[in-house]
Amino acid sequence: SSDVVLITGKGTDPYIMGPNGTKEAWSDRRVAQEELAKLGFKVE
């Protein structure tokens, strides 16, 4: 309670860029929403 989780570095960047031009679709916000929901919280 009252903590703050600061997830930095990507913002709205849509991919994690890997070797040889590979990329993984990504969203820090979306992942945080999904993991909060798995913890039982209602997420806007």
PDB file of all heavy atoms in Angstrom:
ATOM      1  N   SER A   1       0.823  -1.203   0.000  1.00  0.00           N
ATOM      2  CA  SER A   1       0.000   0.000   0.000  1.00  0.00           C
ATOM      3  C   SER A   1       0.861   1.259   0.000  1.00  0.00           C
ATOM      4  O   SER A   1       1.837   1.363   0.746  1.00  0.00           O
ATOM      5  CB  SER A   1      -0.920   0.002   1.226  1.00  0.00           C
ATOM      6  OG  SER A   1      -1.724   1.158   1.234  1.00  0.00           O
ATOM      7  N   SER A   2       0.518   2.203  -0.869  1.00  0.00           N
ATOM      8  CA  SER A   2       1.175   3.512  -1.012  1.00  0.00           C
ATOM      9  C   SER A   2       2.529   3.450  -1.724  1.00  0.00           C
ATOM     10  O   SER A   2       3.176   4.482  -1.909  1.00  0.00           O
ATOM     11  CB  SER A   2       1.346   4.200   0.350  1.00  0.00           C
ATOM     12  OG  SER A   2       0.078   4.417   0.940  1.00  0.00           O
ATOM     13  N   ASP A   3       2.991   2.265  -2.114  1.00  0.00           N
ATOM     14  CA  ASP A   3       4.212   2.169  -2.917  1.00  0.00           C
ATOM     15  C   ASP A   3       3.932   2.665  -4.329  1.00  0.00           C
ATOM     16  O   ASP A   3       2.777   2.852  -4.740  1.00  0.00           O
ATOM     17  CB  ASP A   3       4.702   0.721  -3.006  1.00  0.00           C
ATOM     18  CG  ASP A   3       5.260   0.202  -1.690  1.00  0.00           C
ATOM     19  OD1 ASP A   3       5.370   1.001  -0.742  1.00  0.00           O
ATOM     20  OD2 ASP A   3       5.578  -1.001  -1.625  1.00  0.00           O
ATOM     21  N   VAL A   4       4.990   2.849  -5.101  1.00  0.00           N
ATOM     22  CA  VAL A   4       4.842   3.132  -6.520  1.00  0.00           C
ATOM     23  C   VAL A   4       5.783   2.222  -7.299  1.00  0.00           C
ATOM     24  O   VAL A   4       6.958   2.079  -6.950  1.00  0.00           O
ATOM     25  CB  VAL A   4       5.107   4.616  -6.856  1.00  0.00           C
ATOM     26  CG1 VAL A   4       6.516   5.043  -6.451  1.00  0.00           C
ATOM     27  CG2 VAL A   4       4.894   4.896  -8.344  1.00  0.00           C
ATOM     28  N   VAL A   5       5.215   1.541  -8.286  1.00  0.00           N
ATOM     29  CA  VAL A   5       6.005   0.707  -9.194  1.00  0.00           C
ATOM     30  C   VAL A   5       6.268   1.533 -10.448  1.00  0.00           C
ATOM     31  O   VAL A   5       5.321   1.930 -11.148  1.00  0.00           O
ATOM     32  CB  VAL A   5       5.255  -0.593  -9.564  1.00  0.00           C
ATOM     33  CG1 VAL A   5       6.055  -1.392 -10.587  1.00  0.00           C
ATOM     34  CG2 VAL A   5       4.986  -1.423  -8.311  1.00  0.00           C
ATOM     35  N   LEU A   6       7.528   1.830 -10.719  1.00  0.00           N
ATOM     36  CA  LEU A   6       7.901   2.628 -11.881  1.00  0.00           C
ATOM     37  C   LEU A   6       8.552   1.723 -12.924  1.00  0.00           C
ATOM     38  O   LEU A   6       9.646   1.194 -12.708  1.00  0.00           O
ATOM     39  CB  LEU A   6       8.867   3.747 -11.479  1.00  0.00           C
ATOM     40  CG  LEU A   6       8.306   4.786 -10.490  1.00  0.00           C
ATOM     41  CD1 LEU A   6       9.373   5.821 -10.140  1.00  0.00           C
ATOM     42  CD2 LEU A   6       7.081   5.478 -11.070  1.00  0.00           C
ATOM     43  N   ILE A   7       7.867   1.535 -14.041  1.00  0.00           N
ATOM     44  CA  ILE A   7       8.331   0.671 -15.125  1.00  0.00           C
ATOM     45  C   ILE A   7       8.859   1.592 -16.226  1.00  0.00           C
ATOM     46  O   ILE A   7       8.086   2.294 -16.880  1.00  0.00           O
ATOM     47  CB  ILE A   7       7.190  -0.211 -15.657  1.00  0.00           C
ATOM     48  CG1 ILE A   7       6.544  -1.007 -14.508  1.00  0.00           C
ATOM     49  CG2 ILE A   7       7.701  -1.157 -16.736  1.00  0.00           C
ATOM     50  CD1 ILE A   7       5.221  -1.668 -14.886  1.00  0.00           C
ATOM     51  N   THR A   8      10.170   1.614 -16.401  1.00  0.00           N
ATOM     52  CA  THR A   8      10.763   2.635 -17.260  1.00  0.00           C
ATOM     53  C   THR A   8      11.510   2.042 -18.457  1.00  0.00           C
ATOM     54  O   THR A   8      11.869   0.868 -18.469  1.00  0.00           O
ATOM     55  CB  THR A   8      11.743   3.503 -16.456  1.00  0.00           C
ATOM     56  OG1 THR A   8      12.759   2.678 -15.887  1.00  0.00           O
ATOM     57  CG2 THR A   8      11.032   4.255 -15.349  1.00  0.00           C
ATOM     58  N   GLY A   9      11.735   2.909 -19.455  1.00  0.00           N
ATOM     59  CA  GLY A   9      12.595   2.573 -20.568  1.00  0.00           C
ATOM     60  C   GLY A   9      11.906   2.391 -21.897  1.00  0.00           C
ATOM     61  O   GLY A   9      12.501   2.628 -22.948  1.00  0.00           O
ATOM     62  N   LYS A  10      10.627   1.969 -21.877  1.00  0.00           N
ATOM     63  CA  LYS A  10       9.967   1.696 -23.147  1.00  0.00           C
ATOM     64  C   LYS A  10       8.790   2.626 -23.408  1.00  0.00           C
ATOM     65  O   LYS A  10       8.517   2.974 -24.564  1.00  0.00           O
ATOM     66  CB  LYS A  10       9.518   0.236 -23.211  1.00  0.00           C
ATOM     67  CG  LYS A  10      10.705  -0.728 -23.221  1.00  0.00           C
ATOM     68  CD  LYS A  10      10.343  -2.084 -23.770  1.00  0.00           C
ATOM     69  CE  LYS A  10       9.976  -2.062 -25.223  1.00  0.00           C
ATOM     70  NZ  LYS A  10      11.106  -1.628 -26.085  1.00  0.00           N
ATOM     71  N   GLY A  11       8.068   3.040 -22.393  1.00  0.00           N
ATOM     72  CA  GLY A  11       6.918   3.906 -22.633  1.00  0.00           C
ATOM     73  C   GLY A  11       5.932   3.233 -23.562  1.00  0.00           C
ATOM     74  O   GLY A  11       5.395   2.172 -23.260  1.00  0.00           O
ATOM     75  N   THR A  12       5.713   3.840 -24.738  1.00  0.00           N
ATOM     76  CA  THR A  12       4.783   3.258 -25.712  1.00  0.00           C
ATOM     77  C   THR A  12       5.485   2.424 -26.778  1.00  0.00           C
ATOM     78  O   THR A  12       4.835   2.013 -27.750  1.00  0.00           O
ATOM     79  CB  THR A  12       3.989   4.371 -26.418  1.00  0.00           C
ATOM     80  OG1 THR A  12       4.905   5.302 -27.007  1.00  0.00           O
ATOM     81  CG2 THR A  12       3.078   5.096 -25.444  1.00  0.00           C
ATOM     82  N   ASP A  13       6.780   2.185 -26.635  1.00  0.00           N
ATOM     83  CA  ASP A  13       7.495   1.381 -27.629  1.00  0.00           C
ATOM     84  C   ASP A  13       6.736   0.083 -27.889  1.00  0.00           C
ATOM     85  O   ASP A  13       6.447  -0.678 -26.960  1.00  0.00           O
ATOM     86  CB  ASP A  13       8.902   1.049 -27.135  1.00  0.00           C
ATOM     87  CG  ASP A  13       9.921   2.091 -27.557  1.00  0.00           C
ATOM     88  OD1 ASP A  13       9.513   3.101 -28.163  1.00  0.00           O
ATOM     89  OD2 ASP A  13      11.115   1.901 -27.279  1.00  0.00           O
ATOM     90  N   PRO A  14       6.446  -0.224 -29.158  1.00  0.00           N
ATOM     91  CA  PRO A  14       5.569  -1.362 -29.458  1.00  0.00           C
ATOM     92  C   PRO A  14       6.264  -2.709 -29.570  1.00  0.00           C
ATOM     93  O   PRO A  14       5.599  -3.728 -29.732  1.00  0.00           O
ATOM     94  CB  PRO A  14       4.977  -0.971 -30.814  1.00  0.00           C
ATOM     95  CG  PRO A  14       6.073  -0.168 -31.465  1.00  0.00           C
ATOM     96  CD  PRO A  14       6.752   0.580 -30.344  1.00  0.00           C
ATOM     97  N   TYR A  15       7.608  -2.717 -29.511  1.00  0.00           N
ATOM     98  CA  TYR A  15       8.341  -3.973 -29.670  1.00  0.00           C
ATOM     99  C   TYR A  15       9.534  -4.030 -28.724  1.00  0.00           C
ATOM    100  O   TYR A  15      10.098  -3.007 -28.352  1.00  0.00           O
ATOM    101  CB  TYR A  15       8.881  -4.126 -31.105  1.00  0.00           C
ATOM    102  CG  TYR A  15       7.860  -3.976 -32.189  1.00  0.00           C
ATOM    103  CD1 TYR A  15       7.836  -2.842 -32.998  1.00  0.00           C
ATOM    104  CD2 TYR A  15       6.911  -4.976 -32.415  1.00  0.00           C
ATOM    105  CE1 TYR A  15       6.889  -2.697 -34.006  1.00  0.00           C
ATOM    106  CE2 TYR A  15       5.962  -4.842 -33.423  1.00  0.00           C
ATOM    107  CZ  TYR A  15       5.950  -3.691 -34.207  1.00  0.00           C
ATOM    108  OH  TYR A  15       5.021  -3.558 -35.196  1.00  0.00           O
ATOM    109  N   ILE A  16       9.920  -5.257 -28.365  1.00  0.00           N
ATOM    110  CA  ILE A  16      11.241  -5.514 -27.799  1.00  0.00           C
ATOM    111  C   ILE A  16      12.115  -5.975 -28.965  1.00  0.00           C
ATOM    112  O   ILE A  16      11.815  -6.969 -29.629  1.00  0.00           O
ATOM    113  CB  ILE A  16      11.195  -6.582 -26.700  1.00  0.00           C
ATOM    114  CG1 ILE A  16      10.450  -6.052 -25.465  1.00  0.00           C
ATOM    115  CG2 ILE A  16      12.612  -7.009 -26.304  1.00  0.00           C
ATOM    116  CD1 ILE A  16      10.316  -7.063 -24.345  1.00  0.00           C
ATOM    117  N   MET A  17      13.176  -5.229 -29.217  1.00  0.00           N
ATOM    118  CA  MET A  17      14.008  -5.480 -30.393  1.00  0.00           C
ATOM    119  C   MET A  17      15.117  -6.472 -30.042  1.00  0.00           C
ATOM    120  O   MET A  17      15.896  -6.254 -29.110  1.00  0.00           O
ATOM    121  CB  MET A  17      14.608  -4.181 -30.907  1.00  0.00           C
ATOM    122  CG  MET A  17      13.568  -3.113 -31.217  1.00  0.00           C
ATOM    123  SD  MET A  17      12.330  -3.625 -32.445  1.00  0.00           S
ATOM    124  CE  MET A  17      13.366  -3.747 -33.914  1.00  0.00           C
ATOM    125  N   GLY A  18      15.193  -7.560 -30.805  1.00  0.00           N
ATOM    126  CA  GLY A  18      16.166  -8.606 -30.546  1.00  0.00           C
ATOM    127  C   GLY A  18      17.201  -8.714 -31.645  1.00  0.00           C
ATOM    128  O   GLY A  18      17.309  -7.844 -32.515  1.00  0.00           O
ATOM    129  N   PRO A  19      17.973  -9.798 -31.631  1.00  0.00           N
ATOM    130  CA  PRO A  19      19.071  -9.956 -32.604  1.00  0.00           C
ATOM    131  C   PRO A  19      18.566 -10.179 -34.028  1.00  0.00           C
ATOM    132  O   PRO A  19      17.461 -10.683 -34.244  1.00  0.00           O
ATOM    133  CB  PRO A  19      19.821 -11.184 -32.074  1.00  0.00           C
ATOM    134  CG  PRO A  19      18.807 -11.944 -31.280  1.00  0.00           C
ATOM    135  CD  PRO A  19      17.906 -10.910 -30.673  1.00  0.00           C
ATOM    136  N   ASN A  20      19.404  -9.756 -34.981  1.00  0.00           N
ATOM    137  CA  ASN A  20      19.150  -9.994 -36.400  1.00  0.00           C
ATOM    138  C   ASN A  20      17.809  -9.429 -36.876  1.00  0.00           C
ATOM    139  O   ASN A  20      17.132 -10.018 -37.727  1.00  0.00           O
ATOM    140  CB  ASN A  20      19.213 -11.491 -36.715  1.00  0.00           C
ATOM    141  CG  ASN A  20      20.545 -12.100 -36.344  1.00  0.00           C
ATOM    142  OD1 ASN A  20      21.598 -11.550 -36.658  1.00  0.00           O
ATOM    143  ND2 ASN A  20      20.510 -13.238 -35.655  1.00  0.00           N
ATOM    144  N   GLY A  21      17.429  -8.287 -36.282  1.00  0.00           N
ATOM    145  CA  GLY A  21      16.207  -7.616 -36.725  1.00  0.00           C
ATOM    146  C   GLY A  21      14.921  -8.225 -36.195  1.00  0.00           C
ATOM    147  O   GLY A  21      13.825  -7.821 -36.597  1.00  0.00           O
ATOM    148  N   THR A  22      15.013  -9.199 -35.298  1.00  0.00           N
ATOM    149  CA  THR A  22      13.806  -9.799 -34.733  1.00  0.00           C
ATOM    150  C   THR A  22      13.158  -8.833 -33.753  1.00  0.00           C
ATOM    151  O   THR A  22      13.818  -7.974 -33.167  1.00  0.00           O
ATOM    152  CB  THR A  22      14.113 -11.118 -34.021  1.00  0.00           C
ATOM    153  OG1 THR A  22      15.069 -10.875 -32.967  1.00  0.00           O
ATOM    154  CG2 THR A  22      14.684 -12.137 -34.989  1.00  0.00           C
ATOM    155  N   LYS A  23      11.856  -8.976 -33.583  1.00  0.00           N
ATOM    156  CA  LYS A  23      11.150  -8.125 -32.640  1.00  0.00           C
ATOM    157  C   LYS A  23       9.943  -8.856 -32.066  1.00  0.00           C
ATOM    158  O   LYS A  23       9.315  -9.677 -32.743  1.00  0.00           O
ATOM    159  CB  LYS A  23      10.714  -6.820 -33.302  1.00  0.00           C
ATOM    160  CG  LYS A  23       9.834  -6.974 -34.527  1.00  0.00           C
ATOM    161  CD  LYS A  23       9.608  -5.621 -35.187  1.00  0.00           C
ATOM    162  CE  LYS A  23       8.739  -5.738 -36.436  1.00  0.00           C
ATOM    163  NZ  LYS A  23       8.545  -4.420 -37.096  1.00  0.00           N
ATOM    164  N   GLU A  24       9.659  -8.528 -30.809  1.00  0.00           N
ATOM    165  CA  GLU A  24       8.527  -9.118 -30.097  1.00  0.00           C
ATOM    166  C   GLU A  24       7.525  -8.012 -29.790  1.00  0.00           C
ATOM    167  O   GLU A  24       7.882  -6.986 -29.203  1.00  0.00           O
ATOM    168  CB  GLU A  24       9.011  -9.762 -28.799  1.00  0.00           C
ATOM    169  CG  GLU A  24       7.904 -10.275 -27.899  1.00  0.00           C
ATOM    170  CD  GLU A  24       8.414 -10.711 -26.529  1.00  0.00           C
ATOM    171  OE1 GLU A  24       9.637 -10.638 -26.297  1.00  0.00           O
ATOM    172  OE2 GLU A  24       7.570 -11.095 -25.683  1.00  0.00           O
ATOM    173  N   ALA A  25       6.284  -8.201 -30.206  1.00  0.00           N
ATOM    174  CA  ALA A  25       5.248  -7.212 -29.905  1.00  0.00           C
ATOM    175  C   ALA A  25       5.169  -7.015 -28.394  1.00  0.00           C
ATOM    176  O   ALA A  25       5.174  -7.987 -27.622  1.00  0.00           O
ATOM    177  CB  ALA A  25       3.907  -7.675 -30.459  1.00  0.00           C
ATOM    178  N   TRP A  26       5.082  -5.734 -27.986  1.00  0.00           N
ATOM    179  CA  TRP A  26       5.191  -5.463 -26.559  1.00  0.00           C
ATOM    180  C   TRP A  26       4.448  -4.189 -26.157  1.00  0.00           C
ATOM    181  O   TRP A  26       4.328  -3.251 -26.951  1.00  0.00           O
ATOM    182  CB  TRP A  26       6.657  -5.322 -26.148  1.00  0.00           C
ATOM    183  CG  TRP A  26       6.830  -5.279 -24.655  1.00  0.00           C
ATOM    184  CD1 TRP A  26       6.986  -4.176 -23.873  1.00  0.00           C
ATOM    185  CD2 TRP A  26       6.783  -6.403 -23.787  1.00  0.00           C
ATOM    186  NE1 TRP A  26       7.053  -4.548 -22.554  1.00  0.00           N
ATOM    187  CE2 TRP A  26       6.929  -5.910 -22.467  1.00  0.00           C
ATOM    188  CE3 TRP A  26       6.635  -7.764 -23.973  1.00  0.00           C
ATOM    189  CZ2 TRP A  26       6.926  -6.749 -21.350  1.00  0.00           C
ATOM    190  CZ3 TRP A  26       6.646  -8.598 -22.867  1.00  0.00           C
ATOM    191  CH2 TRP A  26       6.792  -8.093 -21.573  1.00  0.00           C
ATOM    192  N   SER A  27       3.963  -4.177 -24.913  1.00  0.00           N
ATOM    193  CA  SER A  27       3.414  -2.974 -24.297  1.00  0.00           C
ATOM    194  C   SER A  27       3.583  -3.103 -22.788  1.00  0.00           C
ATOM    195  O   SER A  27       2.983  -3.989 -22.170  1.00  0.00           O
ATOM    196  CB  SER A  27       1.928  -2.804 -24.634  1.00  0.00           C
ATOM    197  OG  SER A  27       1.319  -1.852 -23.769  1.00  0.00           O
ATOM    198  N   ASP A  28       4.393  -2.240 -22.191  1.00  0.00           N
ATOM    199  CA  ASP A  28       4.562  -2.265 -20.735  1.00  0.00           C
ATOM    200  C   ASP A  28       3.217  -2.050 -20.037  1.00  0.00           C
ATOM    201  O   ASP A  28       2.919  -2.699 -19.027  1.00  0.00           O
ATOM    202  CB  ASP A  28       5.542  -1.174 -20.294  1.00  0.00           C
ATOM    203  CG  ASP A  28       6.997  -1.624 -20.351  1.00  0.00           C
ATOM    204  OD1 ASP A  28       7.248  -2.827 -20.543  1.00  0.00           O
ATOM    205  OD2 ASP A  28       7.881  -0.766 -20.186  1.00  0.00           O
ATOM    206  N   ARG A  29       2.425  -1.124 -20.557  1.00  0.00           N
ATOM    207  CA  ARG A  29       1.124  -0.850 -19.933  1.00  0.00           C
ATOM    208  C   ARG A  29       0.233  -2.075 -19.991  1.00  0.00           C
ATOM    209  O   ARG A  29      -0.388  -2.456 -18.985  1.00  0.00           O
ATOM    210  CB  ARG A  29       0.444   0.334 -20.636  1.00  0.00           C
ATOM    211  CG  ARG A  29      -0.931   0.691 -20.044  1.00  0.00           C
ATOM    212  CD  ARG A  29      -1.499   1.934 -20.706  1.00  0.00           C
ATOM    213  NE  ARG A  29      -1.904   1.676 -22.077  1.00  0.00           N
ATOM    214  CZ  ARG A  29      -3.143   1.374 -22.443  1.00  0.00           C
ATOM    215  NH1 ARG A  29      -4.112   1.274 -21.533  1.00  0.00           N
ATOM    216  NH2 ARG A  29      -3.445   1.169 -23.709  1.00  0.00           N
ATOM    217  N   ARG A  30       0.163  -2.709 -21.164  1.00  0.00           N
ATOM    218  CA  ARG A  30      -0.693  -3.879 -21.322  1.00  0.00           C
ATOM    219  C   ARG A  30      -0.251  -5.020 -20.406  1.00  0.00           C
ATOM    220  O   ARG A  30      -1.073  -5.664 -19.753  1.00  0.00           O
ATOM    221  CB  ARG A  30      -0.659  -4.325 -22.798  1.00  0.00           C
ATOM    222  CG  ARG A  30      -1.367  -5.638 -23.099  1.00  0.00           C
ATOM    223  CD  ARG A  30      -2.835  -5.567 -22.806  1.00  0.00           C
ATOM    224  NE  ARG A  30      -3.446  -4.436 -23.498  1.00  0.00           N
ATOM    225  CZ  ARG A  30      -4.691  -4.017 -23.283  1.00  0.00           C
ATOM    226  NH1 ARG A  30      -5.435  -4.624 -22.395  1.00  0.00           N
ATOM    227  NH2 ARG A  30      -5.168  -2.989 -23.939  1.00  0.00           N
ATOM    228  N   VAL A  31       1.044  -5.262 -20.353  1.00  0.00           N
ATOM    229  CA  VAL A  31       1.543  -6.336 -19.497  1.00  0.00           C
ATOM    230  C   VAL A  31       1.244  -6.042 -18.031  1.00  0.00           C
ATOM    231  O   VAL A  31       0.822  -6.928 -17.275  1.00  0.00           O
ATOM    232  CB  VAL A  31       3.057  -6.546 -19.724  1.00  0.00           C
ATOM    233  CG1 VAL A  31       3.650  -7.473 -18.659  1.00  0.00           C
ATOM    234  CG2 VAL A  31       3.301  -7.117 -21.118  1.00  0.00           C
ATOM    235  N   ALA A  32       1.431  -4.809 -17.610  1.00  0.00           N
ATOM    236  CA  ALA A  32       1.118  -4.436 -16.221  1.00  0.00           C
ATOM    237  C   ALA A  32      -0.369  -4.643 -15.934  1.00  0.00           C
ATOM    238  O   ALA A  32      -0.740  -5.162 -14.866  1.00  0.00           O
ATOM    239  CB  ALA A  32       1.518  -2.985 -15.969  1.00  0.00           C
ATOM    240  N   GLN A  33      -1.223  -4.268 -16.885  1.00  0.00           N
ATOM    241  CA  GLN A  33      -2.663  -4.484 -16.709  1.00  0.00           C
ATOM    242  C   GLN A  33      -2.983  -5.970 -16.563  1.00  0.00           C
ATOM    243  O   GLN A  33      -3.748  -6.371 -15.672  1.00  0.00           O
ATOM    244  CB  GLN A  33      -3.427  -3.907 -17.901  1.00  0.00           C
ATOM    245  CG  GLN A  33      -3.458  -2.397 -17.959  1.00  0.00           C
ATOM    246  CD  GLN A  33      -4.117  -1.888 -19.233  1.00  0.00           C
ATOM    247  OE1 GLN A  33      -3.957  -2.484 -20.310  1.00  0.00           O
ATOM    248  NE2 GLN A  33      -4.851  -0.804 -19.125  1.00  0.00           N
ATOM    249  N   GLU A  34      -2.391  -6.773 -17.423  1.00  0.00           N
ATOM    250  CA  GLU A  34      -2.676  -8.203 -17.396  1.00  0.00           C
ATOM    251  C   GLU A  34      -2.200  -8.844 -16.095  1.00  0.00           C
ATOM    252  O   GLU A  34      -2.909  -9.682 -15.501  1.00  0.00           O
ATOM    253  CB  GLU A  34      -2.001  -8.879 -18.593  1.00  0.00           C
ATOM    254  CG  GLU A  34      -2.632  -8.506 -19.925  1.00  0.00           C
ATOM    255  CD  GLU A  34      -1.835  -8.975 -21.123  1.00  0.00           C
ATOM    256  OE1 GLU A  34      -0.701  -9.471 -20.935  1.00  0.00           O
ATOM    257  OE2 GLU A  34      -2.336  -8.841 -22.251  1.00  0.00           O
ATOM    258  N   GLU A  35      -1.024  -8.443 -15.636  1.00  0.00           N
ATOM    259  CA  GLU A  35      -0.495  -9.040 -14.406  1.00  0.00           C
ATOM    260  C   GLU A  35      -1.252  -8.550 -13.175  1.00  0.00           C
ATOM    261  O   GLU A  35      -1.411  -9.307 -12.210  1.00  0.00           O
ATOM    262  CB  GLU A  35       1.000  -8.742 -14.283  1.00  0.00           C
ATOM    263  CG  GLU A  35       1.855  -9.408 -15.359  1.00  0.00           C
ATOM    264  CD  GLU A  35       1.675 -10.923 -15.415  1.00  0.00           C
ATOM    265  OE1 GLU A  35       1.492 -11.542 -14.337  1.00  0.00           O
ATOM    266  OE2 GLU A  35       1.717 -11.488 -16.527  1.00  0.00           O
ATOM    267  N   LEU A  36      -1.723  -7.316 -13.189  1.00  0.00           N
ATOM    268  CA  LEU A  36      -2.564  -6.834 -12.086  1.00  0.00           C
ATOM    269  C   LEU A  36      -3.873  -7.617 -12.046  1.00  0.00           C
ATOM    270  O   LEU A  36      -4.353  -7.990 -10.956  1.00  0.00           O
ATOM    271  CB  LEU A  36      -2.858  -5.342 -12.251  1.00  0.00           C
ATOM    272  CG  LEU A  36      -1.739  -4.381 -11.869  1.00  0.00           C
ATOM    273  CD1 LEU A  36      -2.071  -2.964 -12.344  1.00  0.00           C
ATOM    274  CD2 LEU A  36      -1.499  -4.380 -10.356  1.00  0.00           C
ATOM    275  N   ALA A  37      -4.445  -7.874 -13.223  1.00  0.00           N
ATOM    276  CA  ALA A  37      -5.689  -8.645 -13.278  1.00  0.00           C
ATOM    277  C   ALA A  37      -5.483 -10.057 -12.735  1.00  0.00           C
ATOM    278  O   ALA A  37      -6.344 -10.607 -12.031  1.00  0.00           O
ATOM    279  CB  ALA A  37      -6.205  -8.685 -14.711  1.00  0.00           C
ATOM    280  N   LYS A  38      -4.331 -10.655 -13.037  1.00  0.00           N
ATOM    281  CA  LYS A  38      -4.038 -12.001 -12.526  1.00  0.00           C
ATOM    282  C   LYS A  38      -3.921 -12.011 -11.007  1.00  0.00           C
ATOM    283  O   LYS A  38      -4.178 -13.033 -10.359  1.00  0.00           O
ATOM    284  CB  LYS A  38      -2.736 -12.516 -13.142  1.00  0.00           C
ATOM    285  CG  LYS A  38      -2.831 -12.851 -14.619  1.00  0.00           C
ATOM    286  CD  LYS A  38      -1.477 -13.285 -15.165  1.00  0.00           C
ATOM    287  CE  LYS A  38      -1.508 -13.514 -16.659  1.00  0.00           C
ATOM    288  NZ  LYS A  38      -0.158 -13.860 -17.200  1.00  0.00           N
ATOM    289  N   LEU A  39      -3.519 -10.849 -10.446  1.00  0.00           N
ATOM    290  CA  LEU A  39      -3.423 -10.738  -8.993  1.00  0.00           C
ATOM    291  C   LEU A  39      -4.774 -10.463  -8.350  1.00  0.00           C
ATOM    292  O   LEU A  39      -4.875 -10.334  -7.122  1.00  0.00           O
ATOM    293  CB  LEU A  39      -2.433  -9.629  -8.615  1.00  0.00           C
ATOM    294  CG  LEU A  39      -0.959  -9.919  -8.931  1.00  0.00           C
ATOM    295  CD1 LEU A  39      -0.105  -8.664  -8.703  1.00  0.00           C
ATOM    296  CD2 LEU A  39      -0.443 -11.080  -8.085  1.00  0.00           C
ATOM    297  N   GLY A  40      -5.823 -10.352  -9.162  1.00  0.00           N
ATOM    298  CA  GLY A  40      -7.183 -10.202  -8.642  1.00  0.00           C
ATOM    299  C   GLY A  40      -7.682  -8.768  -8.578  1.00  0.00           C
ATOM    300  O   GLY A  40      -8.772  -8.522  -8.046  1.00  0.00           O
ATOM    301  N   PHE A  41      -6.937  -7.813  -9.133  1.00  0.00           N
ATOM    302  CA  PHE A  41      -7.366  -6.413  -9.101  1.00  0.00           C
ATOM    303  C   PHE A  41      -8.206  -6.089 -10.329  1.00  0.00           C
ATOM    304  O   PHE A  41      -7.989  -6.631 -11.411  1.00  0.00           O
ATOM    305  CB  PHE A  41      -6.158  -5.473  -9.041  1.00  0.00           C
ATOM    306  CG  PHE A  41      -5.311  -5.660  -7.814  1.00  0.00           C
ATOM    307  CD1 PHE A  41      -4.005  -6.119  -7.930  1.00  0.00           C
ATOM    308  CD2 PHE A  41      -5.816  -5.391  -6.555  1.00  0.00           C
ATOM    309  CE1 PHE A  41      -3.209  -6.291  -6.813  1.00  0.00           C
ATOM    310  CE2 PHE A  41      -5.029  -5.567  -5.419  1.00  0.00           C
ATOM    311  CZ  PHE A  41      -3.725  -6.015  -5.548  1.00  0.00           C
ATOM    312  N   LYS A  42      -9.160  -5.192 -10.134  1.00  0.00           N
ATOM    313  CA  LYS A  42      -9.912  -4.663 -11.270  1.00  0.00           C
ATOM    314  C   LYS A  42      -9.060  -3.590 -11.940  1.00  0.00           C
ATOM    315  O   LYS A  42      -8.536  -2.713 -11.275  1.00  0.00           O
ATOM    316  CB  LYS A  42     -11.247  -4.080 -10.804  1.00  0.00           C
ATOM    317  CG  LYS A  42     -12.215  -5.109 -10.246  1.00  0.00           C
ATOM    318  CD  LYS A  42     -13.520  -4.468  -9.835  1.00  0.00           C
ATOM    319  CE  LYS A  42     -14.492  -5.518  -9.281  1.00  0.00           C
ATOM    320  NZ  LYS A  42     -15.778  -4.892  -8.845  1.00  0.00           N
ATOM    321  N   VAL A  43      -8.955  -3.678 -13.241  1.00  0.00           N
ATOM    322  CA  VAL A  43      -8.056  -2.782 -13.972  1.00  0.00           C
ATOM    323  C   VAL A  43      -8.817  -2.033 -15.043  1.00  0.00           C
ATOM    324  O   VAL A  43      -9.484  -2.643 -15.882  1.00  0.00           O
ATOM    325  CB  VAL A  43      -6.884  -3.562 -14.608  1.00  0.00           C
ATOM    326  CG1 VAL A  43      -5.908  -2.595 -15.293  1.00  0.00           C
ATOM    327  CG2 VAL A  43      -6.158  -4.387 -13.552  1.00  0.00           C
ATOM    328  N   GLU A  44      -8.708  -0.718 -15.024  1.00  0.00           N
ATOM    329  CA  GLU A  44      -9.375   0.108 -16.019  1.00  0.00           C
ATOM    330  C   GLU A  44      -8.725  -0.072 -17.382  1.00  0.00           C
ATOM    331  O   GLU A  44      -7.508  -0.022 -17.508  1.00  0.00           O
ATOM    332  CB  GLU A  44      -9.281   1.579 -15.609  1.00  0.00           C
ATOM    333  CG  GLU A  44     -10.032   2.547 -16.509  1.00  0.00           C
ATOM    334  CD  GLU A  44      -9.974   3.971 -16.017  1.00  0.00           C
ATOM    335  OE1 GLU A  44     -10.397   4.203 -14.860  1.00  0.00           O
ATOM    336  OE2 GLU A  44      -9.472   4.840 -16.758  1.00  0.00           O
TER     337      GLU A  44
END
